[in-house]
Amino acid sequence: MRSLKRQLSRWLLIAGLAVAPAAMANDVPRVAVASSLQFALTEIAEDFQDESGRQVILSMGSSGNFRRQIAQGAPFELFLSANEGYVQALHAAGKTRDAGVRYVRGRLVWLQRKGRAAERAKRQASDGTGPPPEAPLAAVAAAVKAWQADGTRARFALANPDHAPYGVAARQALEHARLWDQSQPLQVMGENVAQASRFALSADTRGGLVAYSLVRSPALAEQGDYVLIPEQWHAPLHQRMALLPGAGDTAKAFYAYLQSAPARQVFKDYGFAVPAMDAP
């Protein structure tokens, strides 16, 4: 994921991020990070530490759960949400320093273990049933049809839409395809989208609806095949971040670094769309 262009541009940030070791000794902030950022933020945090000598502690989970924890006073200094509405709600409640910034837009994909698409196509060719394999939710439609026909239970994964933004998008995509109600007996809910991706690749499921940024990682790319879900099938996955009231110097520096060219390039490498930094 690392490019020569990123390496050459790093020197521009060092002067602004460098600090004396003594000042950093007790300044290691906790950062609440949406699980769709699991791989991208790990890489960015490593780059940040290489350049500045500063460390951050990344806590990965569902944005909705973090919103609740922050509202209750959890000691985070920076929040990167997969749903900008959660940051806006916290700001309205006086729980952030300001309205924050929109840093990326995510995408939703159907993910399944390698070889599953070929198996499905072969089965459909032999019995003449099911939707065309190129349809984004063909596997879900086929699973619903089998469940209704003979009770075959081919389950699939998604993040819990009660608190996970990618779960909300998954529900909206299924509703668009008129599959939400029919597929509910087959759904396996992950606590967050990273957990849903692990469920999607297990032997016990047909696949799952997960974040594009996760399947772009080498670890998942080796295990699964995916197809992008049309963005028109769900509300835009605008992701927003904001500093929290107790943010110290390292959190502020990391927040600035996340808006830098090298960090933005990492986001792009993991499949995120990066808006202009003056986006509302």
C-alpha atoms as a PDB file:
ATOM      1  CA  MET A   1       0.000   0.000   0.000  1.00  0.00           C
ATOM      2  CA  ARG A   2       2.982   2.282   0.398  1.00  0.00           C
ATOM      3  CA  SER A   3       3.955   4.385  -2.627  1.00  0.00           C
ATOM      4  CA  LEU A   4       7.111   6.305  -3.490  1.00  0.00           C
ATOM      5  CA  LYS A   5       5.026   9.482  -3.709  1.00  0.00           C
ATOM      6  CA  ARG A   6       3.912   9.049  -0.104  1.00  0.00           C
ATOM      7  CA  GLN A   7       7.475   8.451   1.047  1.00  0.00           C
ATOM      8  CA  LEU A   8       8.718  11.611  -0.666  1.00  0.00           C
ATOM      9  CA  SER A   9       5.942  13.775   0.763  1.00  0.00           C
ATOM     10  CA  ARG A  10       6.507  12.769   4.386  1.00  0.00           C
ATOM     11  CA  TRP A  11       9.268  15.284   5.065  1.00  0.00           C
ATOM     12  CA  LEU A  12       6.700  18.072   4.753  1.00  0.00           C
ATOM     13  CA  LEU A  13       4.990  16.934   7.964  1.00  0.00           C
ATOM     14  CA  ILE A  14       7.928  16.254  10.226  1.00  0.00           C
ATOM     15  CA  ALA A  15       8.545  19.853  11.310  1.00  0.00           C
ATOM     16  CA  GLY A  16       4.940  20.350  12.361  1.00  0.00           C
ATOM     17  CA  LEU A  17       4.639  17.046  14.244  1.00  0.00           C
ATOM     18  CA  ALA A  18       7.999  16.734  15.983  1.00  0.00           C
ATOM     19  CA  VAL A  19       8.053  17.336  19.752  1.00  0.00           C
ATOM     20  CA  ALA A  20      10.477  16.840  22.604  1.00  0.00           C
ATOM     21  CA  PRO A  21      10.353  13.315  24.130  1.00  0.00           C
ATOM     22  CA  ALA A  22       9.691  14.700  27.611  1.00  0.00           C
ATOM     23  CA  ALA A  23       6.524  16.432  26.437  1.00  0.00           C
ATOM     24  CA  MET A  24       5.224  13.192  24.946  1.00  0.00           C
ATOM     25  CA  ALA A  25       5.906  10.925  27.915  1.00  0.00           C
ATOM     26  CA  ASN A  26       2.364  10.928  29.309  1.00  0.00           C
ATOM     27  CA  ASP A  27       0.488  11.912  26.153  1.00  0.00           C
ATOM     28  CA  VAL A  28      -0.714   8.685  24.503  1.00  0.00           C
ATOM     29  CA  PRO A  29      -4.347   9.322  23.573  1.00  0.00           C
ATOM     30  CA  ARG A  30      -7.071   6.757  23.102  1.00  0.00           C
ATOM     31  CA  VAL A  31      -8.750   7.055  19.713  1.00  0.00           C
ATOM     32  CA  ALA A  32     -12.220   5.604  19.039  1.00  0.00           C
ATOM     33  CA  VAL A  33     -12.105   4.134  15.531  1.00  0.00           C
ATOM     34  CA  ALA A  34     -14.911   2.684  13.408  1.00  0.00           C
ATOM     35  CA  SER A  35     -14.044  -0.926  12.578  1.00  0.00           C
ATOM     36  CA  SER A  36     -14.274  -0.239   8.825  1.00  0.00           C
ATOM     37  CA  LEU A  37     -10.941   1.575   9.365  1.00  0.00           C
ATOM     38  CA  GLN A  38      -9.228  -1.391  10.989  1.00  0.00           C
ATOM     39  CA  PHE A  39      -6.465  -1.809   8.423  1.00  0.00           C
ATOM     40  CA  ALA A  40      -6.212   1.744   7.092  1.00  0.00           C
ATOM     41  CA  LEU A  41      -5.914   3.382  10.536  1.00  0.00           C
ATOM     42  CA  THR A  42      -3.375   0.843  11.736  1.00  0.00           C
ATOM     43  CA  GLU A  43      -1.152   1.743   8.795  1.00  0.00           C
ATOM     44  CA  ILE A  44      -1.689   5.480   9.243  1.00  0.00           C
ATOM     45  CA  ALA A  45      -0.939   5.300  12.980  1.00  0.00           C
ATOM     46  CA  GLU A  46       2.305   3.458  12.263  1.00  0.00           C
ATOM     47  CA  ASP A  47       3.321   6.124   9.746  1.00  0.00           C
ATOM     48  CA  PHE A  48       2.418   8.836  12.238  1.00  0.00           C
ATOM     49  CA  GLN A  49       4.601   7.228  14.902  1.00  0.00           C
ATOM     50  CA  ASP A  50       7.504   6.825  12.455  1.00  0.00           C
ATOM     51  CA  GLU A  51       7.386  10.501  11.554  1.00  0.00           C
ATOM     52  CA  SER A  52       6.557  12.143  14.866  1.00  0.00           C
ATOM     53  CA  GLY A  53       7.724   9.756  17.552  1.00  0.00           C
ATOM     54  CA  ARG A  54       4.224   9.941  19.055  1.00  0.00           C
ATOM     55  CA  GLN A  55       1.923   7.014  19.753  1.00  0.00           C
ATOM     56  CA  VAL A  56      -1.840   6.630  19.810  1.00  0.00           C
ATOM     57  CA  ILE A  57      -3.983   3.793  21.141  1.00  0.00           C
ATOM     58  CA  LEU A  58      -6.596   2.696  18.607  1.00  0.00           C
ATOM     59  CA  SER A  59      -9.820   1.205  19.946  1.00  0.00           C
ATOM     60  CA  MET A  60     -11.814  -0.462  17.152  1.00  0.00           C
ATOM     61  CA  GLY A  61     -15.556  -1.014  17.308  1.00  0.00           C
ATOM     62  CA  SER A  62     -18.973   0.052  16.080  1.00  0.00           C
ATOM     63  CA  SER A  63     -19.586   3.779  15.720  1.00  0.00           C
ATOM     64  CA  GLY A  64     -22.927   3.625  17.504  1.00  0.00           C
ATOM     65  CA  ASN A  65     -21.403   2.014  20.578  1.00  0.00           C
ATOM     66  CA  PHE A  66     -18.627   4.612  20.633  1.00  0.00           C
ATOM     67  CA  ARG A  67     -21.169   7.399  20.363  1.00  0.00           C
ATOM     68  CA  ARG A  68     -22.928   6.087  23.456  1.00  0.00           C
ATOM     69  CA  GLN A  69     -19.670   5.642  25.384  1.00  0.00           C
ATOM     70  CA  ILE A  70     -18.452   9.144  24.518  1.00  0.00           C
ATOM     71  CA  ALA A  71     -21.785  10.639  25.533  1.00  0.00           C
ATOM     72  CA  GLN A  72     -21.336   8.892  28.891  1.00  0.00           C
ATOM     73  CA  GLY A  73     -17.833  10.305  29.364  1.00  0.00           C
ATOM     74  CA  ALA A  74     -15.512   7.604  28.014  1.00  0.00           C
ATOM     75  CA  PRO A  75     -11.907   8.950  28.016  1.00  0.00           C
ATOM     76  CA  PHE A  76     -11.327   9.117  24.274  1.00  0.00           C
ATOM     77  CA  GLU A  77      -9.609  12.147  22.735  1.00  0.00           C
ATOM     78  CA  LEU A  78     -10.553  11.623  19.087  1.00  0.00           C
ATOM     79  CA  PHE A  79     -13.493   9.886  17.416  1.00  0.00           C
ATOM     80  CA  LEU A  80     -13.469   8.576  13.841  1.00  0.00           C
ATOM     81  CA  SER A  81     -17.033   7.568  13.053  1.00  0.00           C
ATOM     82  CA  ALA A  82     -18.383   5.631  10.078  1.00  0.00           C
ATOM     83  CA  ASN A  83     -21.580   7.672  10.346  1.00  0.00           C
ATOM     84  CA  GLU A  84     -21.150  11.423  10.385  1.00  0.00           C
ATOM     85  CA  GLY A  85     -24.520  11.783  12.082  1.00  0.00           C
ATOM     86  CA  TYR A  86     -23.058  10.329  15.284  1.00  0.00           C
ATOM     87  CA  VAL A  87     -20.370  13.036  15.396  1.00  0.00           C
ATOM     88  CA  GLN A  88     -22.929  15.720  14.618  1.00  0.00           C
ATOM     89  CA  ALA A  89     -25.173  14.477  17.434  1.00  0.00           C
ATOM     90  CA  LEU A  90     -22.273  14.519  19.889  1.00  0.00           C
ATOM     91  CA  HIS A  91     -21.359  18.018  18.774  1.00  0.00           C
ATOM     92  CA  ALA A  92     -24.938  19.199  19.309  1.00  0.00           C
ATOM     93  CA  ALA A  93     -24.727  17.773  22.833  1.00  0.00           C
ATOM     94  CA  GLY A  94     -21.464  19.626  23.533  1.00  0.00           C
ATOM     95  CA  LYS A  95     -19.376  16.443  23.542  1.00  0.00           C
ATOM     96  CA  THR A  96     -16.891  17.426  20.803  1.00  0.00           C
ATOM     97  CA  ARG A  97     -14.581  20.411  20.410  1.00  0.00           C
ATOM     98  CA  ASP A  98     -16.274  21.393  17.146  1.00  0.00           C
ATOM     99  CA  ALA A  99     -18.248  19.910  14.259  1.00  0.00           C
ATOM    100  CA  GLY A 100     -15.216  17.992  13.004  1.00  0.00           C
ATOM    101  CA  VAL A 101     -14.474  17.137   9.386  1.00  0.00           C
ATOM    102  CA  ARG A 102     -15.737  14.622   6.861  1.00  0.00           C
ATOM    103  CA  TYR A 103     -12.672  12.519   6.056  1.00  0.00           C
ATOM    104  CA  VAL A 104     -13.852   9.701   3.723  1.00  0.00           C
ATOM    105  CA  ARG A 105     -16.863   8.102   2.060  1.00  0.00           C
ATOM    106  CA  GLY A 106     -17.074   4.320   2.288  1.00  0.00           C
ATOM    107  CA  ARG A 107     -18.465   1.595   0.049  1.00  0.00           C
ATOM    108  CA  LEU A 108     -20.402  -1.578   0.749  1.00  0.00           C
ATOM    109  CA  VAL A 109     -19.574  -4.939  -0.846  1.00  0.00           C
ATOM    110  CA  TRP A 110     -20.817  -8.487  -0.928  1.00  0.00           C
ATOM    111  CA  LEU A 111     -17.965 -10.731   0.314  1.00  0.00           C
ATOM    112  CA  GLN A 112     -17.750 -14.508   0.119  1.00  0.00           C
ATOM    113  CA  ARG A 113     -15.080 -17.181   0.365  1.00  0.00           C
ATOM    114  CA  LYS A 114     -13.083 -17.806  -2.795  1.00  0.00           C
ATOM    115  CA  GLY A 115     -14.683 -20.377  -5.062  1.00  0.00           C
ATOM    116  CA  ARG A 116     -18.228 -19.769  -3.841  1.00  0.00           C
ATOM    117  CA  ALA A 117     -19.191 -17.810  -6.983  1.00  0.00           C
ATOM    118  CA  ALA A 118     -18.068 -20.674  -9.221  1.00  0.00           C
ATOM    119  CA  GLU A 119     -19.977 -23.179  -7.098  1.00  0.00           C
ATOM    120  CA  ARG A 120     -23.151 -21.092  -7.322  1.00  0.00           C
ATOM    121  CA  ALA A 121     -22.862 -20.583 -11.069  1.00  0.00           C
ATOM    122  CA  LYS A 122     -22.376 -24.305 -11.613  1.00  0.00           C
ATOM    123  CA  ARG A 123     -25.390 -25.155  -9.462  1.00  0.00           C
ATOM    124  CA  GLN A 124     -27.605 -22.598 -11.214  1.00  0.00           C
ATOM    125  CA  ALA A 125     -26.534 -23.872 -14.633  1.00  0.00           C
ATOM    126  CA  SER A 126     -27.466 -27.415 -13.660  1.00  0.00           C
ATOM    127  CA  ASP A 127     -30.905 -26.712 -12.214  1.00  0.00           C
ATOM    128  CA  GLY A 128     -31.882 -23.527 -14.087  1.00  0.00           C
ATOM    129  CA  THR A 129     -32.868 -21.683 -10.894  1.00  0.00           C
ATOM    130  CA  GLY A 130     -31.788 -18.544  -9.142  1.00  0.00           C
ATOM    131  CA  PRO A 131     -30.811 -15.056 -10.290  1.00  0.00           C
ATOM    132  CA  PRO A 132     -27.888 -14.342 -12.622  1.00  0.00           C
ATOM    133  CA  PRO A 133     -24.587 -14.708 -10.708  1.00  0.00           C
ATOM    134  CA  GLU A 134     -23.451 -11.194 -11.639  1.00  0.00           C
ATOM    135  CA  ALA A 135     -26.292  -9.598  -9.610  1.00  0.00           C
ATOM    136  CA  PRO A 136     -24.745  -8.017  -6.484  1.00  0.00           C
ATOM    137  CA  LEU A 137     -27.044  -9.855  -4.078  1.00  0.00           C
ATOM    138  CA  ALA A 138     -27.532 -13.008  -6.136  1.00  0.00           C
ATOM    139  CA  ALA A 139     -26.315 -15.222  -3.301  1.00  0.00           C
ATOM    140  CA  VAL A 140     -28.864 -13.732  -0.884  1.00  0.00           C
ATOM    141  CA  ALA A 141     -31.688 -14.110  -3.388  1.00  0.00           C
ATOM    142  CA  ALA A 142     -30.707 -17.738  -3.998  1.00  0.00           C
ATOM    143  CA  ALA A 143     -30.508 -18.409  -0.255  1.00  0.00           C
ATOM    144  CA  VAL A 144     -33.971 -16.929   0.291  1.00  0.00           C
ATOM    145  CA  LYS A 145     -35.382 -19.039  -2.534  1.00  0.00           C
ATOM    146  CA  ALA A 146     -33.890 -22.227  -1.074  1.00  0.00           C
ATOM    147  CA  TRP A 147     -35.159 -21.343   2.413  1.00  0.00           C
ATOM    148  CA  GLN A 148     -38.671 -20.821   1.105  1.00  0.00           C
ATOM    149  CA  ALA A 149     -38.587 -23.954  -1.051  1.00  0.00           C
ATOM    150  CA  ASP A 150     -37.293 -26.586   1.366  1.00  0.00           C
ATOM    151  CA  GLY A 151     -36.008 -24.925   4.525  1.00  0.00           C
ATOM    152  CA  THR A 152     -32.356 -24.982   3.491  1.00  0.00           C
ATOM    153  CA  ARG A 153     -30.632 -22.509   5.808  1.00  0.00           C
ATOM    154  CA  ALA A 154     -27.784 -20.786   3.960  1.00  0.00           C
ATOM    155  CA  ARG A 155     -26.943 -17.902   6.265  1.00  0.00           C
ATOM    156  CA  PHE A 156     -25.146 -14.636   5.535  1.00  0.00           C
ATOM    157  CA  ALA A 157     -23.508 -11.937   7.640  1.00  0.00           C
ATOM    158  CA  LEU A 158     -23.932  -8.220   8.160  1.00  0.00           C
ATOM    159  CA  ALA A 159     -23.121  -5.725  10.900  1.00  0.00           C
ATOM    160  CA  ASN A 160     -25.902  -4.984  13.371  1.00  0.00           C
ATOM    161  CA  PRO A 161     -27.822  -1.992  11.954  1.00  0.00           C
ATOM    162  CA  ASP A 162     -28.837  -0.941  15.463  1.00  0.00           C
ATOM    163  CA  HIS A 163     -25.393   0.595  16.013  1.00  0.00           C
ATOM    164  CA  ALA A 164     -23.140  -0.125  13.007  1.00  0.00           C
ATOM    165  CA  PRO A 165     -23.340   2.270  10.013  1.00  0.00           C
ATOM    166  CA  TYR A 166     -22.342  -0.434   7.535  1.00  0.00           C
ATOM    167  CA  GLY A 167     -25.128  -2.551   8.978  1.00  0.00           C
ATOM    168  CA  VAL A 168     -27.553   0.278   8.235  1.00  0.00           C
ATOM    169  CA  ALA A 169     -26.253   0.415   4.659  1.00  0.00           C
ATOM    170  CA  ALA A 170     -26.585  -3.376   4.374  1.00  0.00           C
ATOM    171  CA  ARG A 171     -30.194  -3.218   5.505  1.00  0.00           C
ATOM    172  CA  GLN A 172     -30.934  -0.429   3.016  1.00  0.00           C
ATOM    173  CA  ALA A 173     -29.337  -2.417   0.178  1.00  0.00           C
ATOM    174  CA  LEU A 174     -31.385  -5.491   1.077  1.00  0.00           C
ATOM    175  CA  GLU A 175     -34.529  -3.376   1.250  1.00  0.00           C
ATOM    176  CA  HIS A 176     -33.705  -1.931  -2.178  1.00  0.00           C
ATOM    177  CA  ALA A 177     -33.451  -5.477  -3.544  1.00  0.00           C
ATOM    178  CA  ARG A 178     -36.676  -6.438  -1.689  1.00  0.00           C
ATOM    179  CA  LEU A 179     -34.790  -9.051   0.308  1.00  0.00           C
ATOM    180  CA  TRP A 180     -34.705  -7.620   3.847  1.00  0.00           C
ATOM    181  CA  ASP A 181     -37.878  -9.125   5.279  1.00  0.00           C
ATOM    182  CA  GLN A 182     -37.492 -12.454   3.500  1.00  0.00           C
ATOM    183  CA  SER A 183     -33.865 -12.873   4.504  1.00  0.00           C
ATOM    184  CA  GLN A 184     -34.146 -12.110   8.223  1.00  0.00           C
ATOM    185  CA  PRO A 185     -34.162 -15.795   9.291  1.00  0.00           C
ATOM    186  CA  LEU A 186     -30.851 -16.200   7.445  1.00  0.00           C
ATOM    187  CA  GLN A 187     -29.024 -13.168   8.844  1.00  0.00           C
ATOM    188  CA  VAL A 188     -26.028 -13.449  11.164  1.00  0.00           C
ATOM    189  CA  MET A 189     -25.356 -10.136  12.927  1.00  0.00           C
ATOM    190  CA  GLY A 190     -21.841  -8.995  13.707  1.00  0.00           C
ATOM    191  CA  GLU A 191     -21.258  -6.543  16.540  1.00  0.00           C
ATOM    192  CA  ASN A 192     -19.415  -4.408  13.992  1.00  0.00           C
ATOM    193  CA  VAL A 193     -18.470  -4.670  10.324  1.00  0.00           C
ATOM    194  CA  ALA A 194     -15.050  -6.202  11.036  1.00  0.00           C
ATOM    195  CA  GLN A 195     -16.719  -9.052  12.911  1.00  0.00           C
ATOM    196  CA  ALA A 196     -19.263  -9.389  10.090  1.00  0.00           C
ATOM    197  CA  SER A 197     -16.393  -9.822   7.615  1.00  0.00           C
ATOM    198  CA  ARG A 198     -15.021 -12.708   9.694  1.00  0.00           C
ATOM    199  CA  PHE A 199     -18.461 -14.299   9.755  1.00  0.00           C
ATOM    200  CA  ALA A 200     -18.792 -13.806   5.980  1.00  0.00           C
ATOM    201  CA  LEU A 201     -15.647 -15.841   5.336  1.00  0.00           C
ATOM    202  CA  SER A 202     -16.529 -18.694   7.680  1.00  0.00           C
ATOM    203  CA  ALA A 203     -17.554 -22.116   6.455  1.00  0.00           C
ATOM    204  CA  ASP A 204     -20.966 -21.671   8.074  1.00  0.00           C
ATOM    205  CA  THR A 205     -22.160 -18.747   5.932  1.00  0.00           C
ATOM    206  CA  ARG A 206     -22.808 -18.003   2.281  1.00  0.00           C
ATOM    207  CA  GLY A 207     -21.006 -14.635   2.559  1.00  0.00           C
ATOM    208  CA  GLY A 208     -21.835 -11.198   3.868  1.00  0.00           C
ATOM    209  CA  LEU A 209     -22.283  -7.465   3.369  1.00  0.00           C
ATOM    210  CA  VAL A 210     -19.183  -5.657   4.631  1.00  0.00           C
ATOM    211  CA  ALA A 211     -16.965  -2.613   4.111  1.00  0.00           C
ATOM    212  CA  TYR A 212     -14.960  -2.315   0.900  1.00  0.00           C
ATOM    213  CA  SER A 213     -12.012  -1.008   2.957  1.00  0.00           C
ATOM    214  CA  LEU A 214     -11.731  -4.366   4.730  1.00  0.00           C
ATOM    215  CA  VAL A 215     -11.687  -6.522   1.618  1.00  0.00           C
ATOM    216  CA  ARG A 216      -8.931  -4.315   0.189  1.00  0.00           C
ATOM    217  CA  SER A 217      -6.567  -5.597   2.878  1.00  0.00           C
ATOM    218  CA  PRO A 218      -4.189  -8.386   1.773  1.00  0.00           C
ATOM    219  CA  ALA A 219      -5.440 -10.674   4.546  1.00  0.00           C
ATOM    220  CA  LEU A 220      -9.054 -10.654   3.339  1.00  0.00           C
ATOM    221  CA  ALA A 221      -8.208 -10.368  -0.360  1.00  0.00           C
ATOM    222  CA  GLU A 222      -6.463 -13.739  -0.196  1.00  0.00           C
ATOM    223  CA  GLN A 223      -9.491 -15.415   1.332  1.00  0.00           C
ATOM    224  CA  GLY A 224     -12.478 -13.967  -0.467  1.00  0.00           C
ATOM    225  CA  ASP A 225     -14.116 -12.631  -3.602  1.00  0.00           C
ATOM    226  CA  TYR A 226     -16.307  -9.546  -3.569  1.00  0.00           C
ATOM    227  CA  VAL A 227     -18.633  -7.436  -5.671  1.00  0.00           C
ATOM    228  CA  LEU A 228     -19.374  -3.764  -5.028  1.00  0.00           C
ATOM    229  CA  ILE A 229     -22.938  -2.870  -4.084  1.00  0.00           C
ATOM    230  CA  PRO A 230     -24.223   0.104  -6.142  1.00  0.00           C
ATOM    231  CA  GLU A 231     -23.970   3.277  -4.076  1.00  0.00           C
ATOM    232  CA  GLN A 232     -27.533   4.195  -5.101  1.00  0.00           C
ATOM    233  CA  TRP A 233     -28.824   1.241  -3.085  1.00  0.00           C
ATOM    234  CA  HIS A 234     -28.105   2.877   0.268  1.00  0.00           C
ATOM    235  CA  ALA A 235     -27.521   6.271   1.873  1.00  0.00           C
ATOM    236  CA  PRO A 236     -23.982   7.627   1.377  1.00  0.00           C
ATOM    237  CA  LEU A 237     -21.491   6.328   3.942  1.00  0.00           C
ATOM    238  CA  HIS A 238     -20.048   9.726   4.823  1.00  0.00           C
ATOM    239  CA  GLN A 239     -17.560   9.302   7.665  1.00  0.00           C
ATOM    240  CA  ARG A 240     -16.713  12.179  10.022  1.00  0.00           C
ATOM    241  CA  MET A 241     -14.127  12.641  12.754  1.00  0.00           C
ATOM    242  CA  ALA A 242     -13.791  15.127  15.594  1.00  0.00           C
ATOM    243  CA  LEU A 243     -11.569  15.927  18.537  1.00  0.00           C
ATOM    244  CA  LEU A 244     -13.156  15.506  21.940  1.00  0.00           C
ATOM    245  CA  PRO A 245     -12.974  18.055  24.767  1.00  0.00           C
ATOM    246  CA  GLY A 246     -10.048  16.439  26.572  1.00  0.00           C
ATOM    247  CA  ALA A 247      -7.835  16.160  23.492  1.00  0.00           C
ATOM    248  CA  GLY A 248      -4.139  16.716  24.158  1.00  0.00           C
ATOM    249  CA  ASP A 249      -1.289  17.687  21.865  1.00  0.00           C
ATOM    250  CA  THR A 250      -0.763  14.205  20.427  1.00  0.00           C
ATOM    251  CA  ALA A 251      -4.453  13.766  19.610  1.00  0.00           C
ATOM    252  CA  LYS A 252      -4.437  17.167  17.914  1.00  0.00           C
ATOM    253  CA  ALA A 253      -1.313  16.264  15.949  1.00  0.00           C
ATOM    254  CA  PHE A 254      -2.810  12.930  14.869  1.00  0.00           C
ATOM    255  CA  TYR A 255      -6.033  14.664  13.845  1.00  0.00           C
ATOM    256  CA  ALA A 256      -4.006  17.019  11.658  1.00  0.00           C
ATOM    257  CA  TYR A 257      -2.012  14.111  10.240  1.00  0.00           C
ATOM    258  CA  LEU A 258      -5.213  12.301   9.264  1.00  0.00           C
ATOM    259  CA  GLN A 259      -5.979  15.259   6.970  1.00  0.00           C
ATOM    260  CA  SER A 260      -2.518  15.221   5.365  1.00  0.00           C
ATOM    261  CA  ALA A 261      -1.682  13.995   1.874  1.00  0.00           C
ATOM    262  CA  PRO A 262       0.046  10.768   3.028  1.00  0.00           C
ATOM    263  CA  ALA A 263      -2.867   9.756   5.236  1.00  0.00           C
ATOM    264  CA  ARG A 264      -5.394  10.609   2.558  1.00  0.00           C
ATOM    265  CA  GLN A 265      -3.465   8.396   0.142  1.00  0.00           C
ATOM    266  CA  VAL A 266      -3.718   5.465   2.557  1.00  0.00           C
ATOM    267  CA  PHE A 267      -7.483   5.983   2.751  1.00  0.00           C
ATOM    268  CA  LYS A 268      -7.611   5.895  -1.052  1.00  0.00           C
ATOM    269  CA  ASP A 269      -5.479   2.746  -1.117  1.00  0.00           C
ATOM    270  CA  TYR A 270      -8.110   1.029   1.006  1.00  0.00           C
ATOM    271  CA  GLY A 271     -10.948   1.983  -1.320  1.00  0.00           C
ATOM    272  CA  PHE A 272     -12.309   5.061   0.413  1.00  0.00           C
ATOM    273  CA  ALA A 273     -13.370   8.135  -1.539  1.00  0.00           C
ATOM    274  CA  VAL A 274     -11.607  11.165  -0.040  1.00  0.00           C
ATOM    275  CA  PRO A 275     -13.563  14.420  -0.211  1.00  0.00           C
ATOM    276  CA  ALA A 276     -12.145  17.893  -0.463  1.00  0.00           C
ATOM    277  CA  MET A 277     -11.084  18.968   2.998  1.00  0.00           C
ATOM    278  CA  ASP A 278     -13.523  21.872   2.940  1.00  0.00           C
ATOM    279  CA  ALA A 279     -16.487  19.487   2.599  1.00  0.00           C
ATOM    280  CA  PRO A 280     -19.381  20.364   4.928  1.00  0.00           C
END
